[in-house]
PDB file of N, CA and C in Angstrom:
ATOM      1  N   MET A   1       1.880 -33.439   6.291  1.00  0.00           N
ATOM      2  CA  MET A   1       3.060 -33.687   7.099  1.00  0.00           C
ATOM      3  C   MET A   1       3.758 -34.906   6.528  1.00  0.00           C
ATOM      4  N   SER A   2       5.046 -34.842   6.364  1.00  0.00           N
ATOM      5  CA  SER A   2       5.781 -35.955   5.784  1.00  0.00           C
ATOM      6  C   SER A   2       5.906 -37.095   6.771  1.00  0.00           C
ATOM      7  N   ARG A   3       6.119 -38.261   6.240  1.00  0.00           N
ATOM      8  CA  ARG A   3       6.253 -39.456   7.079  1.00  0.00           C
ATOM      9  C   ARG A   3       7.452 -39.304   8.009  1.00  0.00           C
ATOM     10  N   GLY A   4       7.265 -39.634   9.273  1.00  0.00           N
ATOM     11  CA  GLY A   4       8.354 -39.553  10.237  1.00  0.00           C
ATOM     12  C   GLY A   4       8.456 -38.208  10.930  1.00  0.00           C
ATOM     13  N   MET A   5       7.838 -37.206  10.352  1.00  0.00           N
ATOM     14  CA  MET A   5       7.897 -35.886  10.967  1.00  0.00           C
ATOM     15  C   MET A   5       6.953 -35.832  12.149  1.00  0.00           C
ATOM     16  N   ALA A   6       7.416 -35.279  13.240  1.00  0.00           N
ATOM     17  CA  ALA A   6       6.562 -35.125  14.408  1.00  0.00           C
ATOM     18  C   ALA A   6       6.640 -33.690  14.891  1.00  0.00           C
ATOM     19  N   VAL A   7       5.640 -32.916  14.520  1.00  0.00           N
ATOM     20  CA  VAL A   7       5.504 -31.570  15.063  1.00  0.00           C
ATOM     21  C   VAL A   7       4.611 -31.708  16.284  1.00  0.00           C
ATOM     22  N   LEU A   8       5.025 -31.093  17.366  1.00  0.00           N
ATOM     23  CA  LEU A   8       4.345 -31.232  18.653  1.00  0.00           C
ATOM     24  C   LEU A   8       3.861 -29.876  19.136  1.00  0.00           C
ATOM     25  N   VAL A   9       2.690 -29.863  19.763  1.00  0.00           N
ATOM     26  CA  VAL A   9       2.192 -28.664  20.436  1.00  0.00           C
ATOM     27  C   VAL A   9       1.798 -29.051  21.855  1.00  0.00           C
ATOM     28  N   ASP A  10       2.140 -28.192  22.803  1.00  0.00           N
ATOM     29  CA  ASP A  10       1.721 -28.452  24.177  1.00  0.00           C
ATOM     30  C   ASP A  10       0.386 -27.766  24.427  1.00  0.00           C
ATOM     31  N   GLU A  11      -0.083 -27.840  25.668  1.00  0.00           N
ATOM     32  CA  GLU A  11      -1.374 -27.261  25.984  1.00  0.00           C
ATOM     33  C   GLU A  11      -1.287 -25.731  26.039  1.00  0.00           C
ATOM     34  N   LEU A  12      -2.404 -25.091  25.773  1.00  0.00           N
ATOM     35  CA  LEU A  12      -2.453 -23.630  25.872  1.00  0.00           C
ATOM     36  C   LEU A  12      -2.268 -23.224  27.328  1.00  0.00           C
ATOM     37  N   ARG A  13      -1.526 -22.154  27.526  1.00  0.00           N
ATOM     38  CA  ARG A  13      -1.310 -21.619  28.869  1.00  0.00           C
ATOM     39  C   ARG A  13      -1.545 -20.124  28.851  1.00  0.00           C
ATOM     40  N   GLU A  14      -1.858 -19.595  30.008  1.00  0.00           N
ATOM     41  CA  GLU A  14      -2.045 -18.158  30.134  1.00  0.00           C
ATOM     42  C   GLU A  14      -0.762 -17.531  30.665  1.00  0.00           C
ATOM     43  N   TYR A  15      -0.377 -16.416  30.075  1.00  0.00           N
ATOM     44  CA  TYR A  15       0.802 -15.664  30.480  1.00  0.00           C
ATOM     45  C   TYR A  15       0.352 -14.224  30.786  1.00  0.00           C
ATOM     46  N   PRO A  16      -0.296 -14.013  31.940  1.00  0.00           N
ATOM     47  CA  PRO A  16      -0.880 -12.696  32.235  1.00  0.00           C
ATOM     48  C   PRO A  16       0.165 -11.589  32.417  1.00  0.00           C
ATOM     49  N   HIS A  17       1.388 -11.945  32.714  1.00  0.00           N
ATOM     50  CA  HIS A  17       2.425 -10.963  33.005  1.00  0.00           C
ATOM     51  C   HIS A  17       3.076 -10.360  31.757  1.00  0.00           C
ATOM     52  N   VAL A  18       2.825 -10.906  30.576  1.00  0.00           N
ATOM     53  CA  VAL A  18       3.487 -10.403  29.375  1.00  0.00           C
ATOM     54  C   VAL A  18       2.837  -9.115  28.887  1.00  0.00           C
ATOM     55  N   ARG A  19       3.606  -8.325  28.174  1.00  0.00           N
ATOM     56  CA  ARG A  19       3.117  -7.045  27.667  1.00  0.00           C
ATOM     57  C   ARG A  19       2.418  -7.179  26.319  1.00  0.00           C
ATOM     58  N   PHE A  20       2.263  -8.401  25.813  1.00  0.00           N
ATOM     59  CA  PHE A  20       1.652  -8.618  24.507  1.00  0.00           C
ATOM     60  C   PHE A  20       0.135  -8.609  24.620  1.00  0.00           C
ATOM     61  N   ALA A  21      -0.536  -8.318  23.501  1.00  0.00           N
ATOM     62  CA  ALA A  21      -1.999  -8.355  23.476  1.00  0.00           C
ATOM     63  C   ALA A  21      -2.502  -9.786  23.666  1.00  0.00           C
ATOM     64  N   VAL A  22      -1.812 -10.752  23.079  1.00  0.00           N
ATOM     65  CA  VAL A  22      -2.187 -12.159  23.217  1.00  0.00           C
ATOM     66  C   VAL A  22      -1.577 -12.698  24.506  1.00  0.00           C
ATOM     67  N   LYS A  23      -2.397 -13.220  25.378  1.00  0.00           N
ATOM     68  CA  LYS A  23      -1.937 -13.706  26.682  1.00  0.00           C
ATOM     69  C   LYS A  23      -2.021 -15.227  26.813  1.00  0.00           C
ATOM     70  N   HIS A  24      -2.601 -15.904  25.809  1.00  0.00           N
ATOM     71  CA  HIS A  24      -2.711 -17.373  25.805  1.00  0.00           C
ATOM     72  C   HIS A  24      -1.979 -17.899  24.586  1.00  0.00           C
ATOM     73  N   TRP A  25      -1.092 -18.851  24.800  1.00  0.00           N
ATOM     74  CA  TRP A  25      -0.443 -19.505  23.674  1.00  0.00           C
ATOM     75  C   TRP A  25       0.148 -20.826  24.103  1.00  0.00           C
ATOM     76  N   CYS A  26       0.609 -21.560  23.104  1.00  0.00           N
ATOM     77  CA  CYS A  26       1.310 -22.821  23.338  1.00  0.00           C
ATOM     78  C   CYS A  26       2.621 -22.763  22.571  1.00  0.00           C
ATOM     79  N   HIS A  27       3.393 -23.811  22.684  1.00  0.00           N
ATOM     80  CA  HIS A  27       4.666 -23.916  21.971  1.00  0.00           C
ATOM     81  C   HIS A  27       4.548 -24.986  20.896  1.00  0.00           C
ATOM     82  N   MET A  28       5.195 -24.757  19.763  1.00  0.00           N
ATOM     83  CA  MET A  28       5.230 -25.735  18.687  1.00  0.00           C
ATOM     84  C   MET A  28       6.692 -26.047  18.385  1.00  0.00           C
ATOM     85  N   VAL A  29       7.022 -27.338  18.418  1.00  0.00           N
ATOM     86  CA  VAL A  29       8.387 -27.800  18.158  1.00  0.00           C
ATOM     87  C   VAL A  29       8.342 -28.998  17.219  1.00  0.00           C
ATOM     88  N   SER A  30       9.526 -29.417  16.787  1.00  0.00           N
ATOM     89  CA  SER A  30       9.662 -30.668  16.038  1.00  0.00           C
ATOM     90  C   SER A  30      10.602 -31.570  16.809  1.00  0.00           C
ATOM     91  N   ASP A  31      10.344 -32.872  16.752  1.00  0.00           N
ATOM     92  CA  ASP A  31      11.295 -33.799  17.366  1.00  0.00           C
ATOM     93  C   ASP A  31      12.261 -34.339  16.313  1.00  0.00           C
ATOM     94  N   GLU A  32      12.183 -33.798  15.098  1.00  0.00           N
ATOM     95  CA  GLU A  32      13.072 -34.223  14.010  1.00  0.00           C
ATOM     96  C   GLU A  32      14.147 -33.182  13.728  1.00  0.00           C
ATOM     97  N   SER A  33      13.721 -31.996  13.283  1.00  0.00           N
ATOM     98  CA  SER A  33      14.698 -30.968  12.912  1.00  0.00           C
ATOM     99  C   SER A  33      14.034 -29.604  12.822  1.00  0.00           C
ATOM    100  N   PHE A  34      14.845 -28.577  12.876  1.00  0.00           N
ATOM    101  CA  PHE A  34      14.328 -27.227  12.713  1.00  0.00           C
ATOM    102  C   PHE A  34      13.824 -27.008  11.292  1.00  0.00           C
ATOM    103  N   GLU A  35      14.457 -27.636  10.302  1.00  0.00           N
ATOM    104  CA  GLU A  35      14.012 -27.482   8.917  1.00  0.00           C
ATOM    105  C   GLU A  35      12.566 -27.950   8.765  1.00  0.00           C
ATOM    106  N   GLU A  36      12.242 -29.094   9.366  1.00  0.00           N
ATOM    107  CA  GLU A  36      10.865 -29.591   9.300  1.00  0.00           C
ATOM    108  C   GLU A  36       9.911 -28.669  10.066  1.00  0.00           C
ATOM    109  N   LEU A  37      10.357 -28.153  11.186  1.00  0.00           N
ATOM    110  CA  LEU A  37       9.536 -27.222  11.958  1.00  0.00           C
ATOM    111  C   LEU A  37       9.256 -25.960  11.144  1.00  0.00           C
ATOM    112  N   HIS A  38      10.289 -25.424  10.488  1.00  0.00           N
ATOM    113  CA  HIS A  38      10.107 -24.223   9.673  1.00  0.00           C
ATOM    114  C   HIS A  38       9.151 -24.488   8.509  1.00  0.00           C
ATOM    115  N   ALA A  39       9.255 -25.663   7.894  1.00  0.00           N
ATOM    116  CA  ALA A  39       8.363 -26.000   6.780  1.00  0.00           C
ATOM    117  C   ALA A  39       6.913 -26.074   7.270  1.00  0.00           C
ATOM    118  N   PHE A  40       6.699 -26.682   8.417  1.00  0.00           N
ATOM    119  CA  PHE A  40       5.353 -26.794   8.976  1.00  0.00           C
ATOM    120  C   PHE A  40       4.817 -25.402   9.312  1.00  0.00           C
ATOM    121  N   ALA A  41       5.643 -24.583   9.952  1.00  0.00           N
ATOM    122  CA  ALA A  41       5.238 -23.219  10.311  1.00  0.00           C
ATOM    123  C   ALA A  41       4.914 -22.414   9.058  1.00  0.00           C
ATOM    124  N   SER A  42       5.721 -22.547   8.034  1.00  0.00           N
ATOM    125  CA  SER A  42       5.488 -21.832   6.785  1.00  0.00           C
ATOM    126  C   SER A  42       4.154 -22.227   6.163  1.00  0.00           C
ATOM    127  N   ALA A  43       3.830 -23.518   6.214  1.00  0.00           N
ATOM    128  CA  ALA A  43       2.546 -23.994   5.681  1.00  0.00           C
ATOM    129  C   ALA A  43       1.365 -23.412   6.459  1.00  0.00           C
ATOM    130  N   LEU A  44       1.593 -23.028   7.717  1.00  0.00           N
ATOM    131  CA  LEU A  44       0.556 -22.388   8.532  1.00  0.00           C
ATOM    132  C   LEU A  44       0.530 -20.879   8.328  1.00  0.00           C
ATOM    133  N   GLY A  45       1.475 -20.364   7.535  1.00  0.00           N
ATOM    134  CA  GLY A  45       1.549 -18.928   7.298  1.00  0.00           C
ATOM    135  C   GLY A  45       2.302 -18.157   8.356  1.00  0.00           C
ATOM    136  N   ILE A  46       3.092 -18.857   9.161  1.00  0.00           N
ATOM    137  CA  ILE A  46       3.855 -18.209  10.233  1.00  0.00           C
ATOM    138  C   ILE A  46       5.203 -17.750   9.674  1.00  0.00           C
ATOM    139  N   PRO A  47       5.514 -16.467   9.791  1.00  0.00           N
ATOM    140  CA  PRO A  47       6.796 -15.969   9.285  1.00  0.00           C
ATOM    141  C   PRO A  47       7.982 -16.556  10.055  1.00  0.00           C
ATOM    142  N   ARG A  48       9.072 -16.779   9.366  1.00  0.00           N
ATOM    143  CA  ARG A  48      10.286 -17.344   9.978  1.00  0.00           C
ATOM    144  C   ARG A  48      10.796 -16.468  11.125  1.00  0.00           C
ATOM    145  N   GLY A  49      10.536 -15.201  11.064  1.00  0.00           N
ATOM    146  CA  GLY A  49      10.974 -14.285  12.111  1.00  0.00           C
ATOM    147  C   GLY A  49      10.329 -14.549  13.466  1.00  0.00           C
ATOM    148  N   ARG A  50       9.291 -15.366  13.501  1.00  0.00           N
ATOM    149  CA  ARG A  50       8.633 -15.705  14.768  1.00  0.00           C
ATOM    150  C   ARG A  50       9.287 -16.896  15.470  1.00  0.00           C
ATOM    151  N   PHE A  51      10.286 -17.492  14.828  1.00  0.00           N
ATOM    152  CA  PHE A  51      11.013 -18.619  15.421  1.00  0.00           C
ATOM    153  C   PHE A  51      11.800 -18.109  16.615  1.00  0.00           C
ATOM    154  N   GLN A  52      11.721 -18.831  17.737  1.00  0.00           N
ATOM    155  CA  GLN A  52      12.390 -18.414  18.973  1.00  0.00           C
ATOM    156  C   GLN A  52      13.440 -19.431  19.398  1.00  0.00           C
ATOM    157  N   ARG A  53      14.499 -19.512  18.654  1.00  0.00           N
ATOM    158  CA  ARG A  53      15.668 -20.373  18.893  1.00  0.00           C
ATOM    159  C   ARG A  53      15.386 -21.863  18.765  1.00  0.00           C
ATOM    160  N   ASP A  54      14.218 -22.357  19.232  1.00  0.00           N
ATOM    161  CA  ASP A  54      13.914 -23.787  19.110  1.00  0.00           C
ATOM    162  C   ASP A  54      12.423 -24.079  19.052  1.00  0.00           C
ATOM    163  N   HIS A  55      11.603 -23.036  18.978  1.00  0.00           N
ATOM    164  CA  HIS A  55      10.150 -23.231  18.954  1.00  0.00           C
ATOM    165  C   HIS A  55       9.447 -22.017  18.369  1.00  0.00           C
ATOM    166  N   TYR A  56       8.174 -22.206  18.097  1.00  0.00           N
ATOM    167  CA  TYR A  56       7.274 -21.115  17.739  1.00  0.00           C
ATOM    168  C   TYR A  56       6.194 -21.052  18.813  1.00  0.00           C
ATOM    169  N   ASP A  57       5.750 -19.852  19.151  1.00  0.00           N
ATOM    170  CA  ASP A  57       4.595 -19.679  20.025  1.00  0.00           C
ATOM    171  C   ASP A  57       3.364 -19.571  19.138  1.00  0.00           C
ATOM    172  N   LEU A  58       2.282 -20.270  19.531  1.00  0.00           N
ATOM    173  CA  LEU A  58       1.048 -20.247  18.755  1.00  0.00           C
ATOM    174  C   LEU A  58      -0.126 -19.791  19.608  1.00  0.00           C
ATOM    175  N   PRO A  59      -0.898 -18.815  19.126  1.00  0.00           N
ATOM    176  CA  PRO A  59      -2.138 -18.464  19.815  1.00  0.00           C
ATOM    177  C   PRO A  59      -3.174 -19.561  19.561  1.00  0.00           C
ATOM    178  N   PRO A  60      -4.306 -19.521  20.262  1.00  0.00           N
ATOM    179  CA  PRO A  60      -5.290 -20.603  20.151  1.00  0.00           C
ATOM    180  C   PRO A  60      -5.712 -20.970  18.724  1.00  0.00           C
ATOM    181  N   ALA A  61      -6.004 -19.991  17.886  1.00  0.00           N
ATOM    182  CA  ALA A  61      -6.464 -20.300  16.527  1.00  0.00           C
ATOM    183  C   ALA A  61      -5.396 -21.015  15.714  1.00  0.00           C
ATOM    184  N   LEU A  62      -4.142 -20.585  15.840  1.00  0.00           N
ATOM    185  CA  LEU A  62      -3.062 -21.260  15.102  1.00  0.00           C
ATOM    186  C   LEU A  62      -2.781 -22.637  15.675  1.00  0.00           C
ATOM    187  N   ARG A  63      -2.940 -22.803  16.983  1.00  0.00           N
ATOM    188  CA  ARG A  63      -2.768 -24.134  17.572  1.00  0.00           C
ATOM    189  C   ARG A  63      -3.791 -25.091  16.981  1.00  0.00           C
ATOM    190  N   ALA A  64      -5.042 -24.649  16.905  1.00  0.00           N
ATOM    191  CA  ALA A  64      -6.097 -25.491  16.337  1.00  0.00           C
ATOM    192  C   ALA A  64      -5.786 -25.836  14.884  1.00  0.00           C
ATOM    193  N   GLN A  65      -5.286 -24.876  14.138  1.00  0.00           N
ATOM    194  CA  GLN A  65      -4.914 -25.115  12.736  1.00  0.00           C
ATOM    195  C   GLN A  65      -3.763 -26.108  12.650  1.00  0.00           C
ATOM    196  N   ALA A  66      -2.768 -25.978  13.529  1.00  0.00           N
ATOM    197  CA  ALA A  66      -1.625 -26.898  13.532  1.00  0.00           C
ATOM    198  C   ALA A  66      -2.083 -28.326  13.818  1.00  0.00           C
ATOM    199  N   VAL A  67      -2.967 -28.484  14.793  1.00  0.00           N
ATOM    200  CA  VAL A  67      -3.489 -29.817  15.125  1.00  0.00           C
ATOM    201  C   VAL A  67      -4.266 -30.376  13.940  1.00  0.00           C
ATOM    202  N   ALA A  68      -5.063 -29.537  13.289  1.00  0.00           N
ATOM    203  CA  ALA A  68      -5.823 -29.983  12.118  1.00  0.00           C
ATOM    204  C   ALA A  68      -4.894 -30.420  10.982  1.00  0.00           C
ATOM    205  N   GLN A  69      -3.701 -29.834  10.927  1.00  0.00           N
ATOM    206  CA  GLN A  69      -2.724 -30.182   9.892  1.00  0.00           C
ATOM    207  C   GLN A  69      -1.814 -31.339  10.307  1.00  0.00           C
ATOM    208  N   GLY A  70      -2.028 -31.895  11.502  1.00  0.00           N
ATOM    209  CA  GLY A  70      -1.287 -33.084  11.905  1.00  0.00           C
ATOM    210  C   GLY A  70      -0.328 -32.948  13.060  1.00  0.00           C
ATOM    211  N   ALA A  71      -0.233 -31.764  13.668  1.00  0.00           N
ATOM    212  CA  ALA A  71       0.624 -31.633  14.848  1.00  0.00           C
ATOM    213  C   ALA A  71       0.050 -32.502  15.972  1.00  0.00           C
ATOM    214  N   ARG A  72       0.915 -33.083  16.746  1.00  0.00           N
ATOM    215  CA  ARG A  72       0.496 -33.966  17.843  1.00  0.00           C
ATOM    216  C   ARG A  72       0.406 -33.175  19.141  1.00  0.00           C
ATOM    217  N   GLU A  73      -0.676 -33.373  19.866  1.00  0.00           N
ATOM    218  CA  GLU A  73      -0.869 -32.707  21.150  1.00  0.00           C
ATOM    219  C   GLU A  73      -0.165 -33.515  22.237  1.00  0.00           C
ATOM    220  N   VAL A  74       0.705 -32.849  22.995  1.00  0.00           N
ATOM    221  CA  VAL A  74       1.468 -33.499  24.054  1.00  0.00           C
ATOM    222  C   VAL A  74       1.504 -32.577  25.275  1.00  0.00           C
ATOM    223  N   THR A  75       1.938 -33.117  26.391  1.00  0.00           N
ATOM    224  CA  THR A  75       2.126 -32.292  27.588  1.00  0.00           C
ATOM    225  C   THR A  75       3.400 -31.462  27.430  1.00  0.00           C
ATOM    226  N   ILE A  76       3.536 -30.446  28.256  1.00  0.00           N
ATOM    227  CA  ILE A  76       4.756 -29.639  28.232  1.00  0.00           C
ATOM    228  C   ILE A  76       5.978 -30.500  28.551  1.00  0.00           C
ATOM    229  N   ASP A  77       5.832 -31.482  29.448  1.00  0.00           N
ATOM    230  CA  ASP A  77       6.962 -32.343  29.800  1.00  0.00           C
ATOM    231  C   ASP A  77       7.403 -33.186  28.605  1.00  0.00           C
ATOM    232  N   GLU A  78       6.440 -33.763  27.895  1.00  0.00           N
ATOM    233  CA  GLU A  78       6.791 -34.565  26.722  1.00  0.00           C
ATOM    234  C   GLU A  78       7.399 -33.687  25.635  1.00  0.00           C
ATOM    235  N   LEU A  79       6.819 -32.511  25.422  1.00  0.00           N
ATOM    236  CA  LEU A  79       7.359 -31.594  24.422  1.00  0.00           C
ATOM    237  C   LEU A  79       8.811 -31.262  24.748  1.00  0.00           C
ATOM    238  N   ALA A  80       9.100 -30.957  26.003  1.00  0.00           N
ATOM    239  CA  ALA A  80      10.455 -30.596  26.415  1.00  0.00           C
ATOM    240  C   ALA A  80      11.440 -31.739  26.198  1.00  0.00           C
ATOM    241  N   ARG A  81      11.003 -32.976  26.442  1.00  0.00           N
ATOM    242  CA  ARG A  81      11.885 -34.137  26.254  1.00  0.00           C
ATOM    243  C   ARG A  81      12.127 -34.455  24.790  1.00  0.00           C
ATOM    244  N   ARG A  82      11.142 -34.196  23.944  1.00  0.00           N
ATOM    245  CA  ARG A  82      11.239 -34.631  22.550  1.00  0.00           C
ATOM    246  C   ARG A  82      11.735 -33.567  21.583  1.00  0.00           C
ATOM    247  N   MET A  83      11.787 -32.313  21.994  1.00  0.00           N
ATOM    248  CA  MET A  83      12.105 -31.235  21.065  1.00  0.00           C
ATOM    249  C   MET A  83      13.518 -31.337  20.498  1.00  0.00           C
ATOM    250  N   ALA A  84      13.654 -30.947  19.231  1.00  0.00           N
ATOM    251  CA  ALA A  84      14.955 -30.931  18.563  1.00  0.00           C
ATOM    252  C   ALA A  84      15.798 -29.785  19.124  1.00  0.00           C
ATOM    253  N   GLY A  85      17.109 -29.913  18.948  1.00  0.00           N
ATOM    254  CA  GLY A  85      18.008 -28.825  19.315  1.00  0.00           C
ATOM    255  C   GLY A  85      18.677 -29.022  20.659  1.00  0.00           C
ATOM    256  N   PRO A  86      19.576 -28.107  20.996  1.00  0.00           N
ATOM    257  CA  PRO A  86      20.354 -28.213  22.237  1.00  0.00           C
ATOM    258  C   PRO A  86      19.514 -28.281  23.510  1.00  0.00           C
ATOM    259  N   ARG A  87      18.453 -27.496  23.581  1.00  0.00           N
ATOM    260  CA  ARG A  87      17.631 -27.540  24.792  1.00  0.00           C
ATOM    261  C   ARG A  87      16.970 -28.909  24.930  1.00  0.00           C
ATOM    262  N   GLY A  88      16.500 -29.486  23.837  1.00  0.00           N
ATOM    263  CA  GLY A  88      15.921 -30.825  23.882  1.00  0.00           C
ATOM    264  C   GLY A  88      16.942 -31.853  24.337  1.00  0.00           C
ATOM    265  N   GLU A  89      18.183 -31.729  23.857  1.00  0.00           N
ATOM    266  CA  GLU A  89      19.237 -32.655  24.275  1.00  0.00           C
ATOM    267  C   GLU A  89      19.491 -32.543  25.770  1.00  0.00           C
ATOM    268  N   ARG A  90      19.533 -31.320  26.297  1.00  0.00           N
ATOM    269  CA  ARG A  90      19.714 -31.130  27.744  1.00  0.00           C
ATOM    270  C   ARG A  90      18.553 -31.735  28.525  1.00  0.00           C
ATOM    271  N   ASN A  91      17.334 -31.509  28.033  1.00  0.00           N
ATOM    272  CA  ASN A  91      16.162 -32.056  28.714  1.00  0.00           C
ATOM    273  C   ASN A  91      16.188 -33.581  28.734  1.00  0.00           C
ATOM    274  N   ARG A  92      16.572 -34.196  27.621  1.00  0.00           N
ATOM    275  CA  ARG A  92      16.659 -35.662  27.575  1.00  0.00           C
ATOM    276  C   ARG A  92      17.740 -36.173  28.513  1.00  0.00           C
ATOM    277  N   GLY A  93      18.846 -35.463  28.615  1.00  0.00           N
ATOM    278  CA  GLY A  93      19.907 -35.852  29.530  1.00  0.00           C
ATOM    279  C   GLY A  93      19.455 -35.796  30.979  1.00  0.00           C
ATOM    280  N   ARG A  94      18.767 -34.726  31.352  1.00  0.00           N
ATOM    281  CA  ARG A  94      18.230 -34.603  32.720  1.00  0.00           C
ATOM    282  C   ARG A  94      17.242 -35.723  33.010  1.00  0.00           C
ATOM    283  N   HIS A  95      16.374 -36.009  32.050  1.00  0.00           N
ATOM    284  CA  HIS A  95      15.379 -37.066  32.226  1.00  0.00           C
ATOM    285  C   HIS A  95      16.061 -38.420  32.419  1.00  0.00           C
ATOM    286  N   ALA A  96      17.090 -38.701  31.624  1.00  0.00           N
ATOM    287  CA  ALA A  96      17.813 -39.974  31.729  1.00  0.00           C
ATOM    288  C   ALA A  96      18.527 -40.082  33.082  1.00  0.00           C
ATOM    289  N   ARG A  97      19.122 -38.988  33.550  1.00  0.00           N
ATOM    290  CA  ARG A  97      19.814 -39.008  34.846  1.00  0.00           C
ATOM    291  C   ARG A  97      18.828 -39.268  35.990  1.00  0.00           C
ATOM    292  N   ARG A  98      17.651 -38.624  35.922  1.00  0.00           N
ATOM    293  CA  ARG A  98      16.637 -38.866  36.950  1.00  0.00           C
ATOM    294  C   ARG A  98      16.166 -40.304  36.937  1.00  0.00           C
ATOM    295  N   ALA A  99      15.943 -40.844  35.735  1.00  0.00           N
ATOM    296  CA  ALA A  99      15.461 -42.224  35.615  1.00  0.00           C
ATOM    297  C   ALA A  99      16.518 -43.194  36.148  1.00  0.00           C
ATOM    298  N   ALA A 100      17.790 -42.897  35.949  1.00  0.00           N
ATOM    299  CA  ALA A 100      18.866 -43.785  36.403  1.00  0.00           C
ATOM    300  C   ALA A 100      18.963 -43.803  37.931  1.00  0.00           C
ATOM    301  N   ARG A 101      18.557 -42.725  38.579  1.00  0.00           N
ATOM    302  CA  ARG A 101      18.613 -42.647  40.053  1.00  0.00           C
ATOM    303  C   ARG A 101      17.473 -43.395  40.719  1.00  0.00           C
ATOM    304  N   ARG A 102      16.444 -43.736  39.985  1.00  0.00           N
ATOM    305  CA  ARG A 102      15.268 -44.403  40.575  1.00  0.00           C
ATOM    306  C   ARG A 102      15.511 -45.854  40.829  1.00  0.00           C
TER     307      ARG A 102
END
């Protein structure tokens, strides 16, 4: 992982309602850029077609591999605040507005 790059993974969660064979996964994002996220995903062997607008979903084995390669484990709340892209910007704005009201 390059200096300054922060790839983040949240905790594994169960999604029993989905029609997929895999029912447990986490999200992987970058707090720097999508280019860095794609490079990290590529190094894990994840095809670019698995990118979902601002994140990749990882099953347990790939999550463990990502952590072994330097991804940082964070809560879903921290991941949402730090993620790159428009959704991350919205999340940071909401967080700042809530903090200002306290």
